[in-house]
Amino acid sequence: MLFRRPLVGTLFGVICVLGIVAVFYPVKCRLMFQKPSFLNSDKAPISRGEISGHHPNCENYSANRIKIVGRVFCAACSGLLVGAIVALALTFLFILGFINSGFGSLWAFAVGAALMLLGLTQIKFGGFTKAALNALFVVGSYVLLVAVDLVAQSLLLDFYTIGLIVYLLWIRILFSEWHNKRTCFACSRCL
């Protein structure tokens, strides 16, 4: 199909752009999908001075933050941002037909899957390692999608792969939220 690559690439590109937007507006993005927890409690939300890199300014969250040029950023979001930008640029090359050889193999599929699974381990790490693993997660999803497209050349399998990528991204977000809740529960200073 002549339109398969542009369609699949555009769909993946939209997912990357939505991820980039979510990096810059994490609280608004979270509010779209769930009711904030402070609405269910007697406590007011944490004041702005108690947030650093969109995580509580607590030593238990130091692994979730990185400092770049004196500014504090969320390590995971920074990695996802870098990965999305790289994947978006590579997706553009894929749509234009520049990505052909090398990616169309089961080895490329295995590398993409391994990078995504490696990215899921990011909750066990901190700082720039956490950022790098999150970037690898996004780049791995790109490699996986391109490998499936070039090997199978099936729009149905491409859509299935995109669905799998979105599902694993959701799982990655749930892992992070679970880990953050577990961190706060173990500390219990803010509760």
C-alpha atoms as a PDB file:
ATOM      1  CA  MET A   1       0.000   0.000   0.000  1.00  0.00           C
ATOM      2  CA  LEU A   2       1.311   3.348  -1.006  1.00  0.00           C
ATOM      3  CA  PHE A   3      -0.214   5.227   1.934  1.00  0.00           C
ATOM      4  CA  ARG A   4       0.820   2.743   4.665  1.00  0.00           C
ATOM      5  CA  ARG A   5       4.079   4.435   5.639  1.00  0.00           C
ATOM      6  CA  PRO A   6       2.708   7.982   5.786  1.00  0.00           C
ATOM      7  CA  LEU A   7      -0.340   6.818   7.738  1.00  0.00           C
ATOM      8  CA  VAL A   8       1.615   4.739  10.258  1.00  0.00           C
ATOM      9  CA  GLY A   9       4.358   7.338  10.576  1.00  0.00           C
ATOM     10  CA  THR A  10       1.867  10.147  11.080  1.00  0.00           C
ATOM     11  CA  LEU A  11      -0.019   8.185  13.732  1.00  0.00           C
ATOM     12  CA  PHE A  12       3.210   7.441  15.598  1.00  0.00           C
ATOM     13  CA  GLY A  13       4.274  11.071  15.151  1.00  0.00           C
ATOM     14  CA  VAL A  14       1.014  12.253  16.726  1.00  0.00           C
ATOM     15  CA  ILE A  15       1.693   9.998  19.720  1.00  0.00           C
ATOM     16  CA  CYS A  16       5.182  11.533  20.033  1.00  0.00           C
ATOM     17  CA  VAL A  17       3.796  15.081  19.819  1.00  0.00           C
ATOM     18  CA  LEU A  18       1.168  14.287  22.468  1.00  0.00           C
ATOM     19  CA  GLY A  19       3.962  12.911  24.653  1.00  0.00           C
ATOM     20  CA  ILE A  20       5.977  16.104  24.182  1.00  0.00           C
ATOM     21  CA  VAL A  21       2.946  18.179  25.192  1.00  0.00           C
ATOM     22  CA  ALA A  22       2.465  15.953  28.259  1.00  0.00           C
ATOM     23  CA  VAL A  23       6.088  16.581  29.280  1.00  0.00           C
ATOM     24  CA  PHE A  24       5.495  20.334  29.382  1.00  0.00           C
ATOM     25  CA  TYR A  25       2.056  20.100  31.033  1.00  0.00           C
ATOM     26  CA  PRO A  26       2.176  16.991  33.264  1.00  0.00           C
ATOM     27  CA  VAL A  27      -0.351  18.193  35.839  1.00  0.00           C
ATOM     28  CA  LYS A  28      -2.908  19.256  33.225  1.00  0.00           C
ATOM     29  CA  CYS A  29      -2.379  15.973  31.392  1.00  0.00           C
ATOM     30  CA  ARG A  30      -2.964  13.996  34.592  1.00  0.00           C
ATOM     31  CA  LEU A  31      -6.134  16.002  35.346  1.00  0.00           C
ATOM     32  CA  MET A  32      -7.547  14.981  31.962  1.00  0.00           C
ATOM     33  CA  PHE A  33      -7.386  11.303  32.901  1.00  0.00           C
ATOM     34  CA  GLN A  34      -8.089  11.221  36.618  1.00  0.00           C
ATOM     35  CA  LYS A  35      -9.519  13.297  39.415  1.00  0.00           C
ATOM     36  CA  PRO A  36      -6.764  14.834  41.533  1.00  0.00           C
ATOM     37  CA  SER A  37      -6.252  13.023  44.831  1.00  0.00           C
ATOM     38  CA  PHE A  38      -6.403  16.198  46.918  1.00  0.00           C
ATOM     39  CA  LEU A  39     -10.072  16.633  45.982  1.00  0.00           C
ATOM     40  CA  ASN A  40     -10.823  13.502  47.982  1.00  0.00           C
ATOM     41  CA  SER A  41      -8.951  14.542  51.121  1.00  0.00           C
ATOM     42  CA  ASP A  42      -9.023  17.304  53.693  1.00  0.00           C
ATOM     43  CA  LYS A  43      -5.543  18.439  52.725  1.00  0.00           C
ATOM     44  CA  ALA A  44      -4.888  21.212  50.258  1.00  0.00           C
ATOM     45  CA  PRO A  45      -2.591  20.505  47.322  1.00  0.00           C
ATOM     46  CA  ILE A  46       1.119  20.963  47.894  1.00  0.00           C
ATOM     47  CA  SER A  47       2.151  24.579  47.436  1.00  0.00           C
ATOM     48  CA  ARG A  48       4.342  25.472  44.453  1.00  0.00           C
ATOM     49  CA  GLY A  49       7.422  25.918  46.650  1.00  0.00           C
ATOM     50  CA  GLU A  50       7.210  22.263  47.701  1.00  0.00           C
ATOM     51  CA  ILE A  51       7.410  20.971  44.121  1.00  0.00           C
ATOM     52  CA  SER A  52      10.682  20.506  42.289  1.00  0.00           C
ATOM     53  CA  GLY A  53      10.631  19.140  38.750  1.00  0.00           C
ATOM     54  CA  HIS A  54       6.889  18.355  39.233  1.00  0.00           C
ATOM     55  CA  HIS A  55       7.655  15.934  42.088  1.00  0.00           C
ATOM     56  CA  PRO A  56       7.477  16.750  45.807  1.00  0.00           C
ATOM     57  CA  ASN A  57      10.624  18.471  47.000  1.00  0.00           C
ATOM     58  CA  CYS A  58      11.535  15.572  49.261  1.00  0.00           C
ATOM     59  CA  GLU A  59      14.835  13.706  49.477  1.00  0.00           C
ATOM     60  CA  ASN A  60      12.948  10.503  48.686  1.00  0.00           C
ATOM     61  CA  TYR A  61      12.286  11.924  45.210  1.00  0.00           C
ATOM     62  CA  SER A  62      15.861  13.026  44.525  1.00  0.00           C
ATOM     63  CA  ALA A  63      16.275  10.139  42.054  1.00  0.00           C
ATOM     64  CA  ASN A  64      13.384  11.584  40.016  1.00  0.00           C
ATOM     65  CA  ARG A  65      15.156  14.889  39.436  1.00  0.00           C
ATOM     66  CA  ILE A  66      18.107  16.024  37.371  1.00  0.00           C
ATOM     67  CA  LYS A  67      19.823  19.396  37.342  1.00  0.00           C
ATOM     68  CA  ILE A  68      20.691  21.009  34.049  1.00  0.00           C
ATOM     69  CA  VAL A  69      22.302  24.453  34.095  1.00  0.00           C
ATOM     70  CA  GLY A  70      21.063  25.045  37.642  1.00  0.00           C
ATOM     71  CA  ARG A  71      17.439  24.190  36.859  1.00  0.00           C
ATOM     72  CA  VAL A  72      15.641  21.121  38.187  1.00  0.00           C
ATOM     73  CA  PHE A  73      13.771  18.832  35.801  1.00  0.00           C
ATOM     74  CA  CYS A  74      11.962  15.535  36.103  1.00  0.00           C
ATOM     75  CA  ALA A  75      14.431  12.866  34.968  1.00  0.00           C
ATOM     76  CA  ALA A  76      11.756  10.619  33.443  1.00  0.00           C
ATOM     77  CA  CYS A  77      10.009  13.432  31.570  1.00  0.00           C
ATOM     78  CA  SER A  78      13.338  14.763  30.292  1.00  0.00           C
ATOM     79  CA  GLY A  79      14.215  11.340  28.921  1.00  0.00           C
ATOM     80  CA  LEU A  80      10.791  10.897  27.356  1.00  0.00           C
ATOM     81  CA  LEU A  81      11.150  14.351  25.758  1.00  0.00           C
ATOM     82  CA  VAL A  82      14.558  13.556  24.254  1.00  0.00           C
ATOM     83  CA  GLY A  83      13.327  10.157  23.074  1.00  0.00           C
ATOM     84  CA  ALA A  84      10.195  11.665  21.508  1.00  0.00           C
ATOM     85  CA  ILE A  85      12.201  14.314  19.656  1.00  0.00           C
ATOM     86  CA  VAL A  86      14.638  11.700  18.301  1.00  0.00           C
ATOM     87  CA  ALA A  87      11.785   9.330  17.386  1.00  0.00           C
ATOM     88  CA  LEU A  88       9.875  12.176  15.718  1.00  0.00           C
ATOM     89  CA  ALA A  89      12.886  13.078  13.562  1.00  0.00           C
ATOM     90  CA  LEU A  90      13.423   9.413  12.638  1.00  0.00           C
ATOM     91  CA  THR A  91       9.703   9.017  11.899  1.00  0.00           C
ATOM     92  CA  PHE A  92       9.912  11.897   9.442  1.00  0.00           C
ATOM     93  CA  LEU A  93      12.778  10.099   7.674  1.00  0.00           C
ATOM     94  CA  PHE A  94      10.739   6.880   7.722  1.00  0.00           C
ATOM     95  CA  ILE A  95       7.720   8.587   6.124  1.00  0.00           C
ATOM     96  CA  LEU A  96       9.947   9.998   3.387  1.00  0.00           C
ATOM     97  CA  GLY A  97      11.332   6.513   2.678  1.00  0.00           C
ATOM     98  CA  PHE A  98      14.901   7.029   3.891  1.00  0.00           C
ATOM     99  CA  ILE A  99      14.692   4.201   6.452  1.00  0.00           C
ATOM    100  CA  ASN A 100      14.724   0.882   4.611  1.00  0.00           C
ATOM    101  CA  SER A 101      17.658  -1.412   5.073  1.00  0.00           C
ATOM    102  CA  GLY A 102      18.806  -2.722   8.417  1.00  0.00           C
ATOM    103  CA  PHE A 103      15.521  -2.106  10.193  1.00  0.00           C
ATOM    104  CA  GLY A 104      13.585  -4.733   8.277  1.00  0.00           C
ATOM    105  CA  SER A 105      14.738  -7.743  10.255  1.00  0.00           C
ATOM    106  CA  LEU A 106      13.805  -9.799  13.260  1.00  0.00           C
ATOM    107  CA  TRP A 107      16.991  -8.522  14.933  1.00  0.00           C
ATOM    108  CA  ALA A 108      15.719  -4.946  14.701  1.00  0.00           C
ATOM    109  CA  PHE A 109      12.411  -6.135  16.143  1.00  0.00           C
ATOM    110  CA  ALA A 110      14.262  -7.801  19.039  1.00  0.00           C
ATOM    111  CA  VAL A 111      16.366  -4.685  19.657  1.00  0.00           C
ATOM    112  CA  GLY A 112      13.251  -2.469  19.704  1.00  0.00           C
ATOM    113  CA  ALA A 113      11.444  -4.807  22.094  1.00  0.00           C
ATOM    114  CA  ALA A 114      14.529  -5.057  24.334  1.00  0.00           C
ATOM    115  CA  LEU A 115      14.899  -1.257  24.472  1.00  0.00           C
ATOM    116  CA  MET A 116      11.248  -0.870  25.427  1.00  0.00           C
ATOM    117  CA  LEU A 117      11.532  -3.504  28.156  1.00  0.00           C
ATOM    118  CA  LEU A 118      14.757  -1.910  29.373  1.00  0.00           C
ATOM    119  CA  GLY A 119      12.900   1.398  29.537  1.00  0.00           C
ATOM    120  CA  LEU A 120      10.333  -0.162  31.851  1.00  0.00           C
ATOM    121  CA  THR A 121      13.101  -0.730  34.416  1.00  0.00           C
ATOM    122  CA  GLN A 122      13.524   3.037  34.834  1.00  0.00           C
ATOM    123  CA  ILE A 123      11.801   3.052  38.247  1.00  0.00           C
ATOM    124  CA  LYS A 124      14.815   1.252  39.720  1.00  0.00           C
ATOM    125  CA  PHE A 125      17.233   3.988  38.659  1.00  0.00           C
ATOM    126  CA  GLY A 126      17.680   7.689  39.201  1.00  0.00           C
ATOM    127  CA  GLY A 127      19.077  10.826  37.656  1.00  0.00           C
ATOM    128  CA  PHE A 128      20.517  10.742  34.184  1.00  0.00           C
ATOM    129  CA  THR A 129      20.299   6.934  34.013  1.00  0.00           C
ATOM    130  CA  LYS A 130      16.529   7.221  34.518  1.00  0.00           C
ATOM    131  CA  ALA A 131      16.410   9.878  31.790  1.00  0.00           C
ATOM    132  CA  ALA A 132      18.425   7.712  29.370  1.00  0.00           C
ATOM    133  CA  LEU A 133      16.231   4.646  29.982  1.00  0.00           C
ATOM    134  CA  ASN A 134      13.102   6.682  29.283  1.00  0.00           C
ATOM    135  CA  ALA A 135      14.631   7.995  26.057  1.00  0.00           C
ATOM    136  CA  LEU A 136      15.529   4.422  25.051  1.00  0.00           C
ATOM    137  CA  PHE A 137      11.923   3.377  25.720  1.00  0.00           C
ATOM    138  CA  VAL A 138      10.627   5.835  23.106  1.00  0.00           C
ATOM    139  CA  VAL A 139      13.388   5.151  20.570  1.00  0.00           C
ATOM    140  CA  GLY A 140      12.851   1.410  21.091  1.00  0.00           C
ATOM    141  CA  SER A 141       9.166   1.815  20.291  1.00  0.00           C
ATOM    142  CA  TYR A 142      10.131   3.527  17.037  1.00  0.00           C
ATOM    143  CA  VAL A 143      12.580   0.731  16.134  1.00  0.00           C
ATOM    144  CA  LEU A 144       9.948  -1.901  16.954  1.00  0.00           C
ATOM    145  CA  LEU A 145       7.298  -0.214  14.802  1.00  0.00           C
ATOM    146  CA  VAL A 146       9.617   0.259  11.818  1.00  0.00           C
ATOM    147  CA  ALA A 147      10.852  -3.341  12.046  1.00  0.00           C
ATOM    148  CA  VAL A 148       7.275  -4.650  12.064  1.00  0.00           C
ATOM    149  CA  ASP A 149       6.329  -2.406   9.164  1.00  0.00           C
ATOM    150  CA  LEU A 150       9.297  -3.363   7.015  1.00  0.00           C
ATOM    151  CA  VAL A 151       9.087  -7.100   7.737  1.00  0.00           C
ATOM    152  CA  ALA A 152       5.324  -7.631   7.642  1.00  0.00           C
ATOM    153  CA  GLN A 153       4.240  -4.737   5.403  1.00  0.00           C
ATOM    154  CA  SER A 154       0.785  -5.014   6.930  1.00  0.00           C
ATOM    155  CA  LEU A 155      -1.326  -2.081   8.034  1.00  0.00           C
ATOM    156  CA  LEU A 156      -3.161  -4.338  10.480  1.00  0.00           C
ATOM    157  CA  LEU A 157       0.099  -5.408  12.171  1.00  0.00           C
ATOM    158  CA  ASP A 158       1.275  -1.790  12.209  1.00  0.00           C
ATOM    159  CA  PHE A 159      -1.904  -0.739  14.027  1.00  0.00           C
ATOM    160  CA  TYR A 160      -1.505  -3.665  16.426  1.00  0.00           C
ATOM    161  CA  THR A 161       2.092  -2.591  17.131  1.00  0.00           C
ATOM    162  CA  ILE A 162       1.041   1.010  17.735  1.00  0.00           C
ATOM    163  CA  GLY A 163      -1.633  -0.270  20.133  1.00  0.00           C
ATOM    164  CA  LEU A 164       1.021  -2.352  21.916  1.00  0.00           C
ATOM    165  CA  ILE A 165       3.310   0.683  22.152  1.00  0.00           C
ATOM    166  CA  VAL A 166       0.523   2.812  23.647  1.00  0.00           C
ATOM    167  CA  TYR A 167      -0.323   0.002  26.072  1.00  0.00           C
ATOM    168  CA  LEU A 168       3.303  -0.342  27.208  1.00  0.00           C
ATOM    169  CA  LEU A 169       3.542   3.438  27.597  1.00  0.00           C
ATOM    170  CA  TRP A 170       0.451   3.302  29.805  1.00  0.00           C
ATOM    171  CA  ILE A 171       2.018   0.450  31.804  1.00  0.00           C
ATOM    172  CA  ARG A 172       5.188   2.534  32.181  1.00  0.00           C
ATOM    173  CA  ILE A 173       3.128   5.452  33.538  1.00  0.00           C
ATOM    174  CA  LEU A 174       1.268   3.143  35.938  1.00  0.00           C
ATOM    175  CA  PHE A 175       4.587   1.693  37.185  1.00  0.00           C
ATOM    176  CA  SER A 176       5.856   5.216  37.879  1.00  0.00           C
ATOM    177  CA  GLU A 177       2.682   6.268  39.674  1.00  0.00           C
ATOM    178  CA  TRP A 178       2.704   3.066  41.744  1.00  0.00           C
ATOM    179  CA  HIS A 179       6.361   3.610  42.644  1.00  0.00           C
ATOM    180  CA  ASN A 180       5.717   7.252  43.593  1.00  0.00           C
ATOM    181  CA  LYS A 181       2.728   6.317  45.772  1.00  0.00           C
ATOM    182  CA  ARG A 182       4.792   3.586  47.420  1.00  0.00           C
ATOM    183  CA  THR A 183       7.577   6.098  48.095  1.00  0.00           C
ATOM    184  CA  CYS A 184       5.159   8.535  49.740  1.00  0.00           C
ATOM    185  CA  PHE A 185       3.441   5.793  51.733  1.00  0.00           C
ATOM    186  CA  ALA A 186       6.766   4.510  53.080  1.00  0.00           C
ATOM    187  CA  CYS A 187       7.815   8.047  54.102  1.00  0.00           C
ATOM    188  CA  SER A 188       4.389   9.188  55.402  1.00  0.00           C
ATOM    189  CA  ARG A 189       5.675  12.654  56.414  1.00  0.00           C
ATOM    190  CA  CYS A 190       3.203  14.374  54.086  1.00  0.00           C
ATOM    191  CA  LEU A 191       0.249  12.121  54.853  1.00  0.00           C
END
